[in-house]
Amino acid sequence: MQQASEPRYSHDSNLSAGSLAEPGIYLVSHRVHAVPHEVIIRRPMILPHCKICGNVRFSRQCSLPQDIEESDFFFDVNPVPISLFARVLANAVV
């Protein structure tokens, strides 16, 4: 029986479209039509081609930080929706 192998991420900081990328924040550079911009990759993926210039480069800036809900440093983290928070503030008596 053959075991599934771990994904082979490229640890190069200058990846092309078609490369397997691990989660992180990447700086994307296009040929001429756009200034470099950052994107977040939340799960492993094959990097896409640009719809306009085709060949873009992805430079990994850093890994993603841990979600606060997954941190062992905090008690029951239960984010309050902004709309509920705004209603509570609006109804608060000062």
PDB file of N, CA and C in Angstrom:
ATOM      1  N   MET A   1       0.845  -1.189   0.000  1.00  0.00           N
ATOM      2  CA  MET A   1       0.000   0.000   0.000  1.00  0.00           C
ATOM      3  C   MET A   1       0.886   1.247   0.000  1.00  0.00           C
ATOM      4  N   GLN A   2       0.603   2.167  -0.879  1.00  0.00           N
ATOM      5  CA  GLN A   2       1.421   3.355  -1.010  1.00  0.00           C
ATOM      6  C   GLN A   2       0.875   4.459  -0.117  1.00  0.00           C
ATOM      7  N   GLN A   3       1.755   5.111   0.646  1.00  0.00           N
ATOM      8  CA  GLN A   3       1.343   6.199   1.520  1.00  0.00           C
ATOM      9  C   GLN A   3       1.293   7.503   0.740  1.00  0.00           C
ATOM     10  N   ALA A   4       0.343   8.353   1.147  1.00  0.00           N
ATOM     11  CA  ALA A   4       0.258   9.674   0.526  1.00  0.00           C
ATOM     12  C   ALA A   4       1.446  10.496   0.988  1.00  0.00           C
ATOM     13  N   SER A   5       2.092  11.163   0.068  1.00  0.00           N
ATOM     14  CA  SER A   5       3.244  11.972   0.440  1.00  0.00           C
ATOM     15  C   SER A   5       2.789  13.375   0.824  1.00  0.00           C
ATOM     16  N   GLU A   6       3.630  14.040   1.600  1.00  0.00           N
ATOM     17  CA  GLU A   6       3.368  15.424   1.986  1.00  0.00           C
ATOM     18  C   GLU A   6       3.478  16.306   0.747  1.00  0.00           C
ATOM     19  N   PRO A   7       2.693  17.392   0.691  1.00  0.00           N
ATOM     20  CA  PRO A   7       2.823  18.295  -0.459  1.00  0.00           C
ATOM     21  C   PRO A   7       4.241  18.853  -0.530  1.00  0.00           C
ATOM     22  N   ARG A   8       4.732  19.041  -1.715  1.00  0.00           N
ATOM     23  CA  ARG A   8       6.077  19.596  -1.882  1.00  0.00           C
ATOM     24  C   ARG A   8       5.959  21.082  -2.188  1.00  0.00           C
ATOM     25  N   TYR A   9       6.062  21.890  -1.129  1.00  0.00           N
ATOM     26  CA  TYR A   9       6.006  23.330  -1.294  1.00  0.00           C
ATOM     27  C   TYR A   9       7.337  23.826  -1.822  1.00  0.00           C
ATOM     28  N   SER A  10       7.259  24.832  -2.646  1.00  0.00           N
ATOM     29  CA  SER A  10       8.481  25.492  -3.068  1.00  0.00           C
ATOM     30  C   SER A  10       8.796  26.544  -2.023  1.00  0.00           C
ATOM     31  N   HIS A  11       9.993  26.509  -1.475  1.00  0.00           N
ATOM     32  CA  HIS A  11      10.377  27.498  -0.467  1.00  0.00           C
ATOM     33  C   HIS A  11      11.122  28.666  -1.097  1.00  0.00           C
ATOM     34  N   ASP A  12      11.069  28.723  -2.402  1.00  0.00           N
ATOM     35  CA  ASP A  12      11.640  29.841  -3.133  1.00  0.00           C
ATOM     36  C   ASP A  12      10.809  31.075  -2.820  1.00  0.00           C
ATOM     37  N   SER A  13      11.442  32.228  -2.684  1.00  0.00           N
ATOM     38  CA  SER A  13      10.683  33.446  -2.394  1.00  0.00           C
ATOM     39  C   SER A  13      10.204  34.133  -3.660  1.00  0.00           C
ATOM     40  N   ASN A  14      10.460  33.542  -4.809  1.00  0.00           N
ATOM     41  CA  ASN A  14      10.046  34.134  -6.078  1.00  0.00           C
ATOM     42  C   ASN A  14       9.350  33.053  -6.900  1.00  0.00           C
ATOM     43  N   LEU A  15       8.072  32.823  -6.594  1.00  0.00           N
ATOM     44  CA  LEU A  15       7.324  31.735  -7.221  1.00  0.00           C
ATOM     45  C   LEU A  15       6.569  32.217  -8.452  1.00  0.00           C
ATOM     46  N   SER A  16       6.444  31.353  -9.422  1.00  0.00           N
ATOM     47  CA  SER A  16       5.663  31.675 -10.616  1.00  0.00           C
ATOM     48  C   SER A  16       4.289  31.014 -10.527  1.00  0.00           C
ATOM     49  N   ALA A  17       3.382  31.482 -11.370  1.00  0.00           N
ATOM     50  CA  ALA A  17       2.063  30.857 -11.465  1.00  0.00           C
ATOM     51  C   ALA A  17       2.266  29.384 -11.782  1.00  0.00           C
ATOM     52  N   GLY A  18       1.467  28.529 -11.156  1.00  0.00           N
ATOM     53  CA  GLY A  18       1.595  27.094 -11.357  1.00  0.00           C
ATOM     54  C   GLY A  18       2.367  26.405 -10.244  1.00  0.00           C
ATOM     55  N   SER A  19       3.044  27.182  -9.391  1.00  0.00           N
ATOM     56  CA  SER A  19       3.788  26.606  -8.264  1.00  0.00           C
ATOM     57  C   SER A  19       2.835  26.296  -7.118  1.00  0.00           C
ATOM     58  N   LEU A  20       3.176  25.327  -6.300  1.00  0.00           N
ATOM     59  CA  LEU A  20       2.402  25.014  -5.104  1.00  0.00           C
ATOM     60  C   LEU A  20       2.855  25.938  -3.983  1.00  0.00           C
ATOM     61  N   ALA A  21       1.921  26.688  -3.426  1.00  0.00           N
ATOM     62  CA  ALA A  21       2.245  27.651  -2.375  1.00  0.00           C
ATOM     63  C   ALA A  21       1.611  27.238  -1.065  1.00  0.00           C
ATOM     64  N   GLU A  22       2.360  27.421   0.017  1.00  0.00           N
ATOM     65  CA  GLU A  22       1.828  27.169   1.342  1.00  0.00           C
ATOM     66  C   GLU A  22       1.121  28.431   1.832  1.00  0.00           C
ATOM     67  N   PRO A  23       0.284  28.316   2.866  1.00  0.00           N
ATOM     68  CA  PRO A  23      -0.414  29.493   3.381  1.00  0.00           C
ATOM     69  C   PRO A  23       0.572  30.591   3.800  1.00  0.00           C
ATOM     70  N   GLY A  24       0.171  31.827   3.588  1.00  0.00           N
ATOM     71  CA  GLY A  24       1.010  32.955   3.963  1.00  0.00           C
ATOM     72  C   GLY A  24       0.558  34.232   3.286  1.00  0.00           C
ATOM     73  N   ILE A  25       1.338  35.268   3.489  1.00  0.00           N
ATOM     74  CA  ILE A  25       1.104  36.559   2.839  1.00  0.00           C
ATOM     75  C   ILE A  25       2.160  36.688   1.746  1.00  0.00           C
ATOM     76  N   TYR A  26       1.700  36.988   0.535  1.00  0.00           N
ATOM     77  CA  TYR A  26       2.584  37.053  -0.630  1.00  0.00           C
ATOM     78  C   TYR A  26       2.505  38.424  -1.279  1.00  0.00           C
ATOM     79  N   LEU A  27       3.628  38.887  -1.797  1.00  0.00           N
ATOM     80  CA  LEU A  27       3.673  40.089  -2.614  1.00  0.00           C
ATOM     81  C   LEU A  27       3.607  39.625  -4.059  1.00  0.00           C
ATOM     82  N   VAL A  28       2.628  40.143  -4.806  1.00  0.00           N
ATOM     83  CA  VAL A  28       2.421  39.735  -6.197  1.00  0.00           C
ATOM     84  C   VAL A  28       2.933  40.844  -7.112  1.00  0.00           C
ATOM     85  N   SER A  29       3.798  40.466  -8.049  1.00  0.00           N
ATOM     86  CA  SER A  29       4.354  41.420  -9.017  1.00  0.00           C
ATOM     87  C   SER A  29       3.886  41.052 -10.418  1.00  0.00           C
ATOM     88  N   HIS A  30       3.291  42.044 -11.101  1.00  0.00           N
ATOM     89  CA  HIS A  30       2.825  41.878 -12.474  1.00  0.00           C
ATOM     90  C   HIS A  30       3.848  42.520 -13.396  1.00  0.00           C
ATOM     91  N   ARG A  31       3.703  42.288 -14.686  1.00  0.00           N
ATOM     92  CA  ARG A  31       4.665  42.841 -15.649  1.00  0.00           C
ATOM     93  C   ARG A  31       4.624  44.365 -15.658  1.00  0.00           C
ATOM     94  N   VAL A  32       3.534  44.957 -16.133  1.00  0.00           N
ATOM     95  CA  VAL A  32       3.496  46.427 -16.226  1.00  0.00           C
ATOM     96  C   VAL A  32       2.153  47.037 -15.853  1.00  0.00           C
ATOM     97  N   HIS A  33       1.102  46.278 -15.834  1.00  0.00           N
ATOM     98  CA  HIS A  33      -0.230  46.870 -15.697  1.00  0.00           C
ATOM     99  C   HIS A  33      -0.661  47.132 -14.264  1.00  0.00           C
ATOM    100  N   ALA A  34       0.067  46.679 -13.262  1.00  0.00           N
ATOM    101  CA  ALA A  34      -0.351  46.888 -11.868  1.00  0.00           C
ATOM    102  C   ALA A  34       0.877  47.025 -10.978  1.00  0.00           C
ATOM    103  N   VAL A  35       0.718  47.795  -9.918  1.00  0.00           N
ATOM    104  CA  VAL A  35       1.799  47.894  -8.935  1.00  0.00           C
ATOM    105  C   VAL A  35       1.791  46.625  -8.083  1.00  0.00           C
ATOM    106  N   PRO A  36       2.919  46.256  -7.508  1.00  0.00           N
ATOM    107  CA  PRO A  36       2.929  45.078  -6.638  1.00  0.00           C
ATOM    108  C   PRO A  36       1.899  45.233  -5.510  1.00  0.00           C
ATOM    109  N   HIS A  37       1.253  44.130  -5.160  1.00  0.00           N
ATOM    110  CA  HIS A  37       0.237  44.156  -4.106  1.00  0.00           C
ATOM    111  C   HIS A  37       0.309  42.873  -3.303  1.00  0.00           C
ATOM    112  N   GLU A  38      -0.186  42.925  -2.059  1.00  0.00           N
ATOM    113  CA  GLU A  38      -0.170  41.750  -1.199  1.00  0.00           C
ATOM    114  C   GLU A  38      -1.470  40.971  -1.304  1.00  0.00           C
ATOM    115  N   VAL A  39      -1.362  39.655  -1.177  1.00  0.00           N
ATOM    116  CA  VAL A  39      -2.523  38.773  -1.124  1.00  0.00           C
ATOM    117  C   VAL A  39      -2.320  37.788   0.023  1.00  0.00           C
ATOM    118  N   ILE A  40      -3.417  37.283   0.550  1.00  0.00           N
ATOM    119  CA  ILE A  40      -3.375  36.275   1.601  1.00  0.00           C
ATOM    120  C   ILE A  40      -3.783  34.938   0.994  1.00  0.00           C
ATOM    121  N   ILE A  41      -2.969  33.938   1.216  1.00  0.00           N
ATOM    122  CA  ILE A  41      -3.299  32.570   0.797  1.00  0.00           C
ATOM    123  C   ILE A  41      -3.557  31.800   2.083  1.00  0.00           C
ATOM    124  N   ARG A  42      -4.811  31.382   2.283  1.00  0.00           N
ATOM    125  CA  ARG A  42      -5.224  30.770   3.546  1.00  0.00           C
ATOM    126  C   ARG A  42      -5.030  29.259   3.618  1.00  0.00           C
ATOM    127  N   ARG A  43      -4.888  28.610   2.463  1.00  0.00           N
ATOM    128  CA  ARG A  43      -4.670  27.159   2.444  1.00  0.00           C
ATOM    129  C   ARG A  43      -3.787  26.835   1.247  1.00  0.00           C
ATOM    130  N   PRO A  44      -3.127  25.683   1.272  1.00  0.00           N
ATOM    131  CA  PRO A  44      -2.245  25.352   0.159  1.00  0.00           C
ATOM    132  C   PRO A  44      -2.985  25.448  -1.176  1.00  0.00           C
ATOM    133  N   MET A  45      -2.299  26.002  -2.168  1.00  0.00           N
ATOM    134  CA  MET A  45      -2.929  26.135  -3.481  1.00  0.00           C
ATOM    135  C   MET A  45      -1.874  26.226  -4.577  1.00  0.00           C
ATOM    136  N   ILE A  46      -2.323  25.924  -5.794  1.00  0.00           N
ATOM    137  CA  ILE A  46      -1.510  26.157  -6.982  1.00  0.00           C
ATOM    138  C   ILE A  46      -1.706  27.627  -7.348  1.00  0.00           C
ATOM    139  N   LEU A  47      -0.628  28.363  -7.463  1.00  0.00           N
ATOM    140  CA  LEU A  47      -0.729  29.799  -7.736  1.00  0.00           C
ATOM    141  C   LEU A  47      -1.309  30.052  -9.124  1.00  0.00           C
ATOM    142  N   PRO A  48      -2.272  30.977  -9.199  1.00  0.00           N
ATOM    143  CA  PRO A  48      -2.948  31.238 -10.476  1.00  0.00           C
ATOM    144  C   PRO A  48      -2.173  32.186 -11.391  1.00  0.00           C
ATOM    145  N   HIS A  49      -2.549  32.170 -12.662  1.00  0.00           N
ATOM    146  CA  HIS A  49      -2.026  33.120 -13.643  1.00  0.00           C
ATOM    147  C   HIS A  49      -2.880  34.381 -13.576  1.00  0.00           C
ATOM    148  N   CYS A  50      -2.305  35.520 -13.910  1.00  0.00           N
ATOM    149  CA  CYS A  50      -3.049  36.782 -13.974  1.00  0.00           C
ATOM    150  C   CYS A  50      -3.922  36.773 -15.233  1.00  0.00           C
ATOM    151  N   LYS A  51      -5.138  37.284 -15.114  1.00  0.00           N
ATOM    152  CA  LYS A  51      -6.059  37.353 -16.252  1.00  0.00           C
ATOM    153  C   LYS A  51      -5.571  38.327 -17.324  1.00  0.00           C
ATOM    154  N   ILE A  52      -4.743  39.301 -16.929  1.00  0.00           N
ATOM    155  CA  ILE A  52      -4.315  40.337 -17.879  1.00  0.00           C
ATOM    156  C   ILE A  52      -2.930  40.048 -18.458  1.00  0.00           C
ATOM    157  N   CYS A  53      -1.935  39.878 -17.586  1.00  0.00           N
ATOM    158  CA  CYS A  53      -0.560  39.708 -18.096  1.00  0.00           C
ATOM    159  C   CYS A  53      -0.101  38.257 -18.124  1.00  0.00           C
ATOM    160  N   GLY A  54      -0.852  37.376 -17.500  1.00  0.00           N
ATOM    161  CA  GLY A  54      -0.509  35.961 -17.528  1.00  0.00           C
ATOM    162  C   GLY A  54       0.538  35.548 -16.518  1.00  0.00           C
ATOM    163  N   ASN A  55       1.745  36.029 -16.696  1.00  0.00           N
ATOM    164  CA  ASN A  55       2.843  35.575 -15.853  1.00  0.00           C
ATOM    165  C   ASN A  55       3.108  36.554 -14.720  1.00  0.00           C
ATOM    166  N   VAL A  56       2.777  36.164 -13.511  1.00  0.00           N
ATOM    167  CA  VAL A  56       3.041  36.979 -12.331  1.00  0.00           C
ATOM    168  C   VAL A  56       4.031  36.230 -11.442  1.00  0.00           C
ATOM    169  N   ARG A  57       4.636  36.947 -10.520  1.00  0.00           N
ATOM    170  CA  ARG A  57       5.560  36.362  -9.547  1.00  0.00           C
ATOM    171  C   ARG A  57       4.981  36.573  -8.158  1.00  0.00           C
ATOM    172  N   PHE A  58       5.113  35.568  -7.317  1.00  0.00           N
ATOM    173  CA  PHE A  58       4.632  35.607  -5.948  1.00  0.00           C
ATOM    174  C   PHE A  58       5.828  35.494  -5.011  1.00  0.00           C
ATOM    175  N   SER A  59       5.986  36.461  -4.144  1.00  0.00           N
ATOM    176  CA  SER A  59       7.089  36.456  -3.196  1.00  0.00           C
ATOM    177  C   SER A  59       6.516  36.347  -1.780  1.00  0.00           C
ATOM    178  N   ARG A  60       6.807  35.240  -1.104  1.00  0.00           N
ATOM    179  CA  ARG A  60       6.248  35.005   0.237  1.00  0.00           C
ATOM    180  C   ARG A  60       6.883  35.960   1.229  1.00  0.00           C
ATOM    181  N   GLN A  61       6.027  36.736   1.906  1.00  0.00           N
ATOM    182  CA  GLN A  61       6.497  37.720   2.876  1.00  0.00           C
ATOM    183  C   GLN A  61       6.574  37.136   4.289  1.00  0.00           C
ATOM    184  N   CYS A  62       5.553  36.370   4.647  1.00  0.00           N
ATOM    185  CA  CYS A  62       5.529  35.755   5.975  1.00  0.00           C
ATOM    186  C   CYS A  62       4.420  34.716   6.032  1.00  0.00           C
ATOM    187  N   SER A  63       4.469  33.895   7.082  1.00  0.00           N
ATOM    188  CA  SER A  63       3.399  32.921   7.283  1.00  0.00           C
ATOM    189  C   SER A  63       2.213  33.633   7.916  1.00  0.00           C
ATOM    190  N   LEU A  64       1.078  32.978   7.928  1.00  0.00           N
ATOM    191  CA  LEU A  64      -0.102  33.582   8.535  1.00  0.00           C
ATOM    192  C   LEU A  64      -0.022  33.484  10.046  1.00  0.00           C
ATOM    193  N   PRO A  65      -0.451  34.536  10.746  1.00  0.00           N
ATOM    194  CA  PRO A  65      -0.483  34.452  12.207  1.00  0.00           C
ATOM    195  C   PRO A  65      -1.584  33.499  12.661  1.00  0.00           C
ATOM    196  N   GLN A  66      -1.486  33.074  13.893  1.00  0.00           N
ATOM    197  CA  GLN A  66      -2.473  32.161  14.459  1.00  0.00           C
ATOM    198  C   GLN A  66      -3.784  32.902  14.709  1.00  0.00           C
ATOM    199  N   ASP A  67      -4.914  32.253  14.425  1.00  0.00           N
ATOM    200  CA  ASP A  67      -6.217  32.827  14.747  1.00  0.00           C
ATOM    201  C   ASP A  67      -6.345  32.925  16.258  1.00  0.00           C
ATOM    202  N   ILE A  68      -6.947  33.998  16.738  1.00  0.00           N
ATOM    203  CA  ILE A  68      -7.078  34.193  18.179  1.00  0.00           C
ATOM    204  C   ILE A  68      -7.878  33.060  18.825  1.00  0.00           C
ATOM    205  N   GLU A  69      -8.837  32.501  18.082  1.00  0.00           N
ATOM    206  CA  GLU A  69      -9.638  31.397  18.624  1.00  0.00           C
ATOM    207  C   GLU A  69      -8.789  30.146  18.877  1.00  0.00           C
ATOM    208  N   GLU A  70      -7.667  30.026  18.203  1.00  0.00           N
ATOM    209  CA  GLU A  70      -6.803  28.854  18.350  1.00  0.00           C
ATOM    210  C   GLU A  70      -5.685  29.063  19.366  1.00  0.00           C
ATOM    211  N   SER A  71      -5.583  30.254  19.926  1.00  0.00           N
ATOM    212  CA  SER A  71      -4.507  30.567  20.859  1.00  0.00           C
ATOM    213  C   SER A  71      -4.809  30.026  22.254  1.00  0.00           C
ATOM    214  N   ASP A  72      -3.779  29.523  22.899  1.00  0.00           N
ATOM    215  CA  ASP A  72      -3.922  29.026  24.270  1.00  0.00           C
ATOM    216  C   ASP A  72      -3.817  30.135  25.308  1.00  0.00           C
ATOM    217  N   PHE A  73      -3.547  31.357  24.886  1.00  0.00           N
ATOM    218  CA  PHE A  73      -3.344  32.457  25.817  1.00  0.00           C
ATOM    219  C   PHE A  73      -4.628  33.122  26.308  1.00  0.00           C
ATOM    220  N   PHE A  74      -5.763  32.840  25.663  1.00  0.00           N
ATOM    221  CA  PHE A  74      -6.984  33.571  25.980  1.00  0.00           C
ATOM    222  C   PHE A  74      -8.096  32.638  26.433  1.00  0.00           C
ATOM    223  N   PHE A  75      -8.965  33.164  27.297  1.00  0.00           N
ATOM    224  CA  PHE A  75     -10.157  32.436  27.698  1.00  0.00           C
ATOM    225  C   PHE A  75     -11.160  32.486  26.564  1.00  0.00           C
ATOM    226  N   ASP A  76     -12.178  31.696  26.619  1.00  0.00           N
ATOM    227  CA  ASP A  76     -13.244  31.606  25.622  1.00  0.00           C
ATOM    228  C   ASP A  76     -13.363  32.833  24.714  1.00  0.00           C
ATOM    229  N   VAL A  77     -12.769  32.732  23.561  1.00  0.00           N
ATOM    230  CA  VAL A  77     -12.830  33.819  22.587  1.00  0.00           C
ATOM    231  C   VAL A  77     -14.096  33.620  21.769  1.00  0.00           C
ATOM    232  N   ASN A  78     -14.985  34.587  21.841  1.00  0.00           N
ATOM    233  CA  ASN A  78     -16.243  34.528  21.116  1.00  0.00           C
ATOM    234  C   ASN A  78     -16.479  35.898  20.506  1.00  0.00           C
ATOM    235  N   PRO A  79     -16.006  36.128  19.285  1.00  0.00           N
ATOM    236  CA  PRO A  79     -16.125  37.459  18.690  1.00  0.00           C
ATOM    237  C   PRO A  79     -17.583  37.920  18.581  1.00  0.00           C
ATOM    238  N   VAL A  80     -17.800  39.169  18.910  1.00  0.00           N
ATOM    239  CA  VAL A  80     -19.129  39.770  18.815  1.00  0.00           C
ATOM    240  C   VAL A  80     -19.253  40.410  17.441  1.00  0.00           C
ATOM    241  N   PRO A  81     -20.329  40.098  16.705  1.00  0.00           N
ATOM    242  CA  PRO A  81     -20.519  40.758  15.405  1.00  0.00           C
ATOM    243  C   PRO A  81     -20.536  42.280  15.563  1.00  0.00           C
ATOM    244  N   ILE A  82     -19.928  42.988  14.637  1.00  0.00           N
ATOM    245  CA  ILE A  82     -19.835  44.450  14.702  1.00  0.00           C
ATOM    246  C   ILE A  82     -21.222  45.082  14.804  1.00  0.00           C
ATOM    247  N   SER A  83     -22.215  44.561  14.087  1.00  0.00           N
ATOM    248  CA  SER A  83     -23.559  45.144  14.129  1.00  0.00           C
ATOM    249  C   SER A  83     -24.144  45.048  15.535  1.00  0.00           C
ATOM    250  N   LEU A  84     -23.925  43.933  16.228  1.00  0.00           N
ATOM    251  CA  LEU A  84     -24.417  43.790  17.597  1.00  0.00           C
ATOM    252  C   LEU A  84     -23.676  44.739  18.525  1.00  0.00           C
ATOM    253  N   PHE A  85     -22.374  44.857  18.352  1.00  0.00           N
ATOM    254  CA  PHE A  85     -21.567  45.752  19.168  1.00  0.00           C
ATOM    255  C   PHE A  85     -22.036  47.195  18.991  1.00  0.00           C
ATOM    256  N   ALA A  86     -22.336  47.599  17.754  1.00  0.00           N
ATOM    257  CA  ALA A  86     -22.799  48.952  17.479  1.00  0.00           C
ATOM    258  C   ALA A  86     -24.154  49.212  18.142  1.00  0.00           C
ATOM    259  N   ARG A  87     -25.060  48.202  18.108  1.00  0.00           N
ATOM    260  CA  ARG A  87     -26.366  48.371  18.766  1.00  0.00           C
ATOM    261  C   ARG A  87     -26.213  48.527  20.270  1.00  0.00           C
ATOM    262  N   VAL A  88     -25.326  47.749  20.875  1.00  0.00           N
ATOM    263  CA  VAL A  88     -25.104  47.849  22.315  1.00  0.00           C
ATOM    264  C   VAL A  88     -24.573  49.239  22.673  1.00  0.00           C
ATOM    265  N   LEU A  89     -23.631  49.748  21.889  1.00  0.00           N
ATOM    266  CA  LEU A  89     -23.095  51.082  22.134  1.00  0.00           C
ATOM    267  C   LEU A  89     -24.163  52.155  21.952  1.00  0.00           C
ATOM    268  N   ALA A  90     -25.003  52.003  20.932  1.00  0.00           N
ATOM    269  CA  ALA A  90     -26.050  52.995  20.665  1.00  0.00           C
ATOM    270  C   ALA A  90     -27.075  53.042  21.785  1.00  0.00           C
ATOM    271  N   ASN A  91     -27.326  51.919  22.436  1.00  0.00           N
ATOM    272  CA  ASN A  91     -28.332  51.856  23.489  1.00  0.00           C
ATOM    273  C   ASN A  91     -27.746  52.083  24.880  1.00  0.00           C
ATOM    274  N   ALA A  92     -26.446  52.268  24.974  1.00  0.00           N
ATOM    275  CA  ALA A  92     -25.794  52.454  26.288  1.00  0.00           C
ATOM    276  C   ALA A  92     -26.184  53.802  26.865  1.00  0.00           C
ATOM    277  N   VAL A  93     -26.447  53.786  28.155  1.00  0.00           N
ATOM    278  CA  VAL A  93     -26.766  55.024  28.874  1.00  0.00           C
ATOM    279  C   VAL A  93     -25.478  55.564  29.465  1.00  0.00           C
ATOM    280  N   VAL A  94     -25.198  56.830  29.182  1.00  0.00           N
ATOM    281  CA  VAL A  94     -23.954  57.425  29.660  1.00  0.00           C
ATOM    282  C   VAL A  94     -24.213  58.245  30.873  1.00  0.00           C
TER     283      VAL A  94
END
